[in-house]
Amino acid sequence: MRASSAATREAGRKVLKDGVPSAWQQMQDVASDLFSVADLVKQNPGLARALTDPARSAEDKVALAKDVFSEKTHPLAQAILNELVSGRFSSENDLSHALEDIASDGQFYWAASEGKLEQVAQELFNVTQLLQKERELRNALSDSSESRASRRAQLVQTLFAHAVSPQALTLLQRASAYPREGSLLATLRRYAQRASQLRDRKLVTVEAPQELEPAQLERLHNILRNRYGRDVDLNVSIVPSLIGGLRIHTSSHITDGTVRNALARTRERLAG
């Protein structure tokens, strides 16, 4: 998402954040309505163009948004939509993407209202780990066919409804039915990263060849917290093939201190 679209999305996020105190117990409805609006915009390219047309005035686009959605949309969701269409998007597709991102925030605020935000983040990570290991399941949930979106969402319902929170289930269904840029795992990772951001934390994924002892986890947590200057959400993934050492992932950087990586570099030097 380019700068103009990202700035408009952040303005919409602020409307949601500012509206949370008065709509705390209605976040489920707000998020659901935003997802519904995103789907309708996505399915109607003409409407998407009209709502993002830079040649139309903000007032005209807001009037159109109200005319189409206000009777069946939560007032806070409508206010967010009005803010979005008042801004600028570099691509008409970015409107539905912004709506989806803010709807996801709504799910997280709903989880926070029930004291479950950390739980939801952990559930998303656990399912991501499962899908990385279970290729057949990942493929079944990653079918890019738009016509099978509802079937994929139903499969998620069948498999995970009794294993995760309602908020995590909704996000899993969305990631499977409408993965951003066609990647289910990337969409789930983006959700997990956003959950950390809303808790003012940095998401760090650590790959290790075996389970880390509590003392090792605490030491690693302290090191990473000092490195990034804030608390971290530490997700540990076990990858036996690494042999030894750790591989540390953030959204923008990978530090590979594994034995496997050292061996690969040694082979390259010997071959060169």
Protein backbone atom coordinates (compact mmCIF):
# COMPACT_ATOMS: atom_id res chain seq x y z
CA MET A 1 0.00 0.00 0.00
CA ARG A 2 1.50 3.33 -1.09
CA ALA A 3 1.93 6.35 1.16
CA SER A 4 -1.30 8.14 0.24
CA SER A 5 -3.39 5.01 0.76
CA ALA A 6 -1.59 4.17 4.00
CA ALA A 7 -2.17 7.68 5.35
CA THR A 8 -5.87 7.44 4.56
CA ARG A 9 -6.07 4.02 6.24
CA GLU A 10 -4.40 5.41 9.37
CA ALA A 11 -6.96 8.22 9.47
CA GLY A 12 -9.69 5.57 9.41
CA ARG A 13 -7.94 3.62 12.15
CA LYS A 14 -7.93 6.76 14.30
CA VAL A 15 -11.70 7.09 13.91
CA LEU A 16 -12.06 3.51 15.15
CA LYS A 17 -9.68 4.05 18.06
CA ASP A 18 -11.43 7.27 19.09
CA GLY A 19 -14.79 5.53 18.90
CA VAL A 20 -13.80 2.54 21.03
CA PRO A 21 -14.73 4.07 24.44
CA SER A 22 -18.34 4.69 23.39
CA ALA A 23 -18.74 1.48 21.36
CA TRP A 24 -16.59 -0.88 23.43
CA GLN A 25 -19.23 -3.57 23.69
CA GLN A 26 -20.21 -3.26 20.03
CA MET A 27 -16.83 -3.91 18.43
CA GLN A 28 -18.03 -7.26 17.08
CA ASP A 29 -20.79 -5.50 15.14
CA VAL A 30 -18.49 -2.72 13.95
CA ALA A 31 -15.89 -5.19 12.69
CA SER A 32 -18.51 -7.37 11.02
CA ASP A 33 -20.01 -4.38 9.21
CA LEU A 34 -16.60 -3.21 8.02
CA PHE A 35 -15.84 -6.64 6.62
CA SER A 36 -19.23 -6.65 4.86
CA VAL A 37 -18.59 -3.23 3.34
CA ALA A 38 -15.13 -4.37 2.21
CA ASP A 39 -16.64 -7.40 0.51
CA LEU A 40 -19.30 -5.36 -1.26
CA VAL A 41 -16.75 -2.82 -2.47
CA LYS A 42 -14.49 -5.63 -3.67
CA GLN A 43 -17.33 -7.30 -5.56
CA ASN A 44 -18.45 -4.06 -7.24
CA PRO A 45 -15.55 -2.41 -9.10
CA GLY A 46 -17.78 0.43 -10.27
CA LEU A 47 -18.65 1.33 -6.69
CA ALA A 48 -14.99 1.10 -5.69
CA ARG A 49 -14.04 3.49 -8.49
CA ALA A 50 -16.78 5.94 -7.54
CA LEU A 51 -15.75 5.95 -3.87
CA THR A 52 -12.05 6.48 -4.64
CA ASP A 53 -12.28 8.77 -7.69
CA PRO A 54 -9.87 11.69 -7.05
CA ALA A 55 -11.89 13.85 -9.44
CA ARG A 56 -14.96 13.69 -7.17
CA SER A 57 -15.24 15.87 -4.10
CA ALA A 58 -14.98 14.32 -0.65
CA GLU A 59 -18.51 15.50 0.09
CA ASP A 60 -19.84 13.73 -3.00
CA LYS A 61 -18.11 10.46 -2.09
CA VAL A 62 -19.31 10.63 1.52
CA ALA A 63 -22.87 11.22 0.30
CA LEU A 64 -22.60 8.15 -1.94
CA ALA A 65 -21.20 6.06 0.91
CA LYS A 66 -24.07 7.11 3.17
CA ASP A 67 -26.64 6.44 0.48
CA VAL A 68 -25.35 2.91 -0.12
CA PHE A 69 -24.46 1.79 3.40
CA SER A 70 -25.87 3.94 6.22
CA GLU A 71 -29.19 2.12 6.69
CA LYS A 72 -27.51 -1.22 7.40
CA THR A 73 -24.19 -0.20 8.92
CA HIS A 74 -23.20 0.56 12.51
CA PRO A 75 -22.73 4.33 12.97
CA LEU A 76 -19.06 3.93 13.89
CA ALA A 77 -18.41 1.73 10.86
CA GLN A 78 -20.13 4.35 8.70
CA ALA A 79 -18.00 7.12 10.23
CA ILE A 80 -14.87 5.12 9.40
CA LEU A 81 -16.04 4.60 5.82
CA ASN A 82 -16.81 8.31 5.50
CA GLU A 83 -13.29 9.15 6.67
CA LEU A 84 -11.76 6.71 4.20
CA VAL A 85 -13.63 7.92 1.14
CA SER A 86 -12.78 11.52 2.09
CA GLY A 87 -9.10 10.69 1.70
CA ARG A 88 -6.98 9.65 -1.24
CA PHE A 89 -6.12 6.17 -2.47
CA SER A 90 -3.44 5.33 -5.02
CA SER A 91 -5.51 2.32 -6.13
CA GLU A 92 -9.23 1.61 -5.93
CA ASN A 93 -8.39 -1.81 -4.44
CA ASP A 94 -6.79 -0.07 -1.47
CA LEU A 95 -10.20 0.98 -0.15
CA SER A 96 -11.28 -2.62 0.47
CA HIS A 97 -7.83 -3.40 1.88
CA ALA A 98 -8.08 -0.48 4.31
CA LEU A 99 -11.56 -1.59 5.37
CA GLU A 100 -10.28 -5.11 5.99
CA ASP A 101 -7.33 -3.84 8.02
CA ILE A 102 -9.55 -1.65 10.19
CA ALA A 103 -12.11 -4.45 10.57
CA SER A 104 -9.28 -6.65 11.85
CA ASP A 105 -8.46 -3.94 14.39
CA GLY A 106 -12.11 -4.10 15.44
CA GLN A 107 -11.73 -7.80 16.12
CA PHE A 108 -8.70 -7.07 18.28
CA TYR A 109 -10.51 -4.31 20.20
CA TRP A 110 -13.37 -6.75 20.75
CA ALA A 111 -10.87 -9.28 22.09
CA ALA A 112 -9.32 -6.60 24.32
CA SER A 113 -12.76 -5.77 25.75
CA GLU A 114 -12.93 -9.38 26.96
CA GLY A 115 -9.30 -9.51 28.11
CA LYS A 116 -8.39 -11.89 25.27
CA LEU A 117 -6.07 -9.90 23.02
CA GLU A 118 -2.94 -11.80 24.03
CA GLN A 119 -4.83 -15.09 23.73
CA VAL A 120 -6.03 -14.25 20.22
CA ALA A 121 -2.50 -13.34 19.12
CA GLN A 122 -1.19 -16.65 20.46
CA GLU A 123 -3.99 -18.60 18.75
CA LEU A 124 -3.15 -17.00 15.41
CA PHE A 125 0.50 -17.94 15.85
CA ASN A 126 -0.38 -21.52 16.83
CA VAL A 127 -2.57 -21.99 13.76
CA THR A 128 0.14 -20.47 11.55
CA GLN A 129 2.59 -23.01 12.95
CA LEU A 130 0.14 -25.84 12.31
CA LEU A 131 -0.42 -24.76 8.72
CA GLN A 132 3.30 -24.55 8.07
CA LYS A 133 3.63 -28.20 9.09
CA GLU A 134 0.42 -29.55 7.51
CA ARG A 135 0.87 -28.99 3.81
CA GLU A 136 -2.38 -30.65 2.69
CA LEU A 137 -4.43 -28.56 5.10
CA ARG A 138 -2.58 -25.41 4.08
CA ASN A 139 -3.27 -26.13 0.43
CA ALA A 140 -6.94 -26.79 1.12
CA LEU A 141 -7.26 -23.44 2.89
CA SER A 142 -5.15 -21.57 0.33
CA ASP A 143 -7.11 -22.36 -2.83
CA SER A 144 -7.17 -18.97 -4.55
CA SER A 145 -10.48 -19.62 -6.32
CA GLU A 146 -12.88 -16.79 -5.42
CA SER A 147 -15.86 -19.10 -5.97
CA ARG A 148 -14.67 -21.38 -3.16
CA ALA A 149 -14.16 -18.65 -0.54
CA SER A 150 -17.25 -19.63 1.44
CA ARG A 151 -16.21 -23.30 1.32
CA ARG A 152 -12.80 -22.45 2.76
CA ALA A 153 -14.40 -20.35 5.50
CA GLN A 154 -16.69 -23.26 6.37
CA LEU A 155 -13.72 -25.63 6.55
CA VAL A 156 -12.06 -23.25 9.03
CA GLN A 157 -15.29 -23.23 11.04
CA THR A 158 -15.38 -27.02 11.12
CA LEU A 159 -11.73 -27.44 12.11
CA PHE A 160 -11.15 -24.58 14.53
CA ALA A 161 -14.46 -23.42 16.03
CA HIS A 162 -13.92 -25.41 19.23
CA ALA A 163 -10.19 -24.71 19.43
CA VAL A 164 -9.88 -20.91 19.23
CA SER A 165 -11.71 -17.78 20.36
CA PRO A 166 -14.49 -16.26 18.22
CA GLN A 167 -12.20 -13.36 17.30
CA ALA A 168 -9.39 -15.63 16.11
CA LEU A 169 -11.90 -17.80 14.26
CA THR A 170 -13.26 -14.82 12.34
CA LEU A 171 -9.76 -13.71 11.37
CA LEU A 172 -8.84 -17.24 10.31
CA GLN A 173 -11.93 -17.40 8.13
CA ARG A 174 -11.12 -14.05 6.55
CA ALA A 175 -7.50 -15.03 5.92
CA SER A 176 -8.60 -18.24 4.24
CA ALA A 177 -11.48 -16.78 2.25
CA TYR A 178 -9.74 -13.56 1.19
CA PRO A 179 -5.95 -13.87 1.64
CA ARG A 180 -4.10 -10.64 0.85
CA GLU A 181 -1.97 -11.09 -2.27
CA GLY A 182 -2.95 -14.76 -2.33
CA SER A 183 -0.95 -15.77 0.76
CA LEU A 184 -2.79 -17.29 3.71
CA LEU A 185 0.29 -17.49 5.94
CA ALA A 186 1.35 -13.92 5.15
CA THR A 187 -2.13 -12.69 6.04
CA LEU A 188 -2.05 -14.52 9.37
CA ARG A 189 1.40 -13.13 10.15
CA ARG A 190 0.15 -9.63 9.39
CA TYR A 191 -2.73 -10.14 11.83
CA ALA A 192 -0.33 -11.32 14.53
CA GLN A 193 1.96 -8.35 13.93
CA ARG A 194 -0.96 -5.94 14.23
CA ALA A 195 -2.10 -7.54 17.49
CA SER A 196 1.37 -6.87 18.88
CA GLN A 197 1.33 -3.27 17.65
CA LEU A 198 -1.98 -2.62 19.40
CA ARG A 199 -0.38 -3.83 22.63
CA ASP A 200 2.63 -1.53 21.97
CA ARG A 201 4.87 -4.54 21.47
CA LYS A 202 7.13 -5.79 18.70
CA LEU A 203 6.42 -9.22 17.28
CA VAL A 204 9.52 -11.43 17.15
CA THR A 205 9.48 -14.99 15.86
CA VAL A 206 12.34 -17.24 16.94
CA GLU A 207 13.18 -20.54 15.24
CA ALA A 208 15.11 -22.97 17.43
CA PRO A 209 16.16 -26.62 16.94
CA GLN A 210 14.59 -27.63 20.26
CA GLU A 211 12.46 -26.29 23.08
CA LEU A 212 14.09 -23.46 25.02
CA GLU A 213 14.33 -23.64 28.79
CA PRO A 214 12.41 -20.98 30.80
CA ALA A 215 15.69 -19.30 31.78
CA GLN A 216 16.76 -19.18 28.13
CA LEU A 217 13.42 -17.68 27.11
CA GLU A 218 13.67 -15.03 29.81
CA ARG A 219 17.23 -14.13 28.82
CA LEU A 220 16.29 -13.96 25.13
CA HIS A 221 13.24 -11.85 25.94
CA ASN A 222 15.39 -9.38 27.88
CA ILE A 223 17.99 -9.19 25.11
CA LEU A 224 15.35 -8.50 22.45
CA ARG A 225 13.51 -5.98 24.62
CA ASN A 226 16.75 -4.04 25.09
CA ARG A 227 17.57 -4.29 21.39
CA TYR A 228 14.23 -2.91 20.21
CA GLY A 229 13.60 -0.51 23.07
CA ARG A 230 10.19 -1.93 23.97
CA ASP A 231 8.56 -5.12 25.11
CA VAL A 232 8.26 -7.96 22.62
CA ASP A 233 5.82 -10.74 21.84
CA LEU A 234 8.10 -13.75 21.53
CA ASN A 235 6.84 -16.64 19.41
CA VAL A 236 9.07 -19.71 19.34
CA SER A 237 8.95 -22.23 16.50
CA ILE A 238 10.78 -25.57 16.74
CA VAL A 239 12.77 -26.46 13.59
CA PRO A 240 15.01 -29.50 14.31
CA SER A 241 16.87 -29.17 11.00
CA LEU A 242 18.54 -25.97 12.24
CA ILE A 243 20.86 -28.23 14.33
CA GLY A 244 21.85 -25.45 16.73
CA GLY A 245 21.60 -21.70 17.29
CA LEU A 246 18.62 -19.44 16.61
CA ARG A 247 17.00 -17.67 13.69
CA ILE A 248 15.20 -14.47 14.69
CA HIS A 249 12.52 -12.87 12.51
CA THR A 250 10.89 -9.45 12.76
CA SER A 251 8.72 -7.74 10.17
CA SER A 252 11.78 -6.09 8.62
CA HIS A 253 14.83 -8.17 9.50
CA ILE A 254 16.12 -11.74 9.87
CA THR A 255 19.11 -12.63 12.05
CA ASP A 256 20.33 -16.15 11.27
CA GLY A 257 22.70 -17.52 13.89
CA THR A 258 21.97 -21.17 13.24
CA VAL A 259 24.49 -23.94 12.74
CA ARG A 260 22.77 -24.81 9.46
CA ASN A 261 23.40 -21.30 8.15
CA ALA A 262 27.03 -21.41 9.31
CA LEU A 263 27.50 -24.73 7.48
CA ALA A 264 25.98 -23.28 4.33
CA ARG A 265 28.40 -20.34 4.42
CA THR A 266 31.31 -22.71 4.99
CA ARG A 267 30.29 -24.78 1.95
CA GLU A 268 30.13 -21.62 -0.16
CA ARG A 269 33.62 -20.55 0.90
CA LEU A 270 35.05 -24.02 0.23
CA ALA A 271 33.37 -24.17 -3.17
CA GLY A 272 34.56 -20.70 -4.10
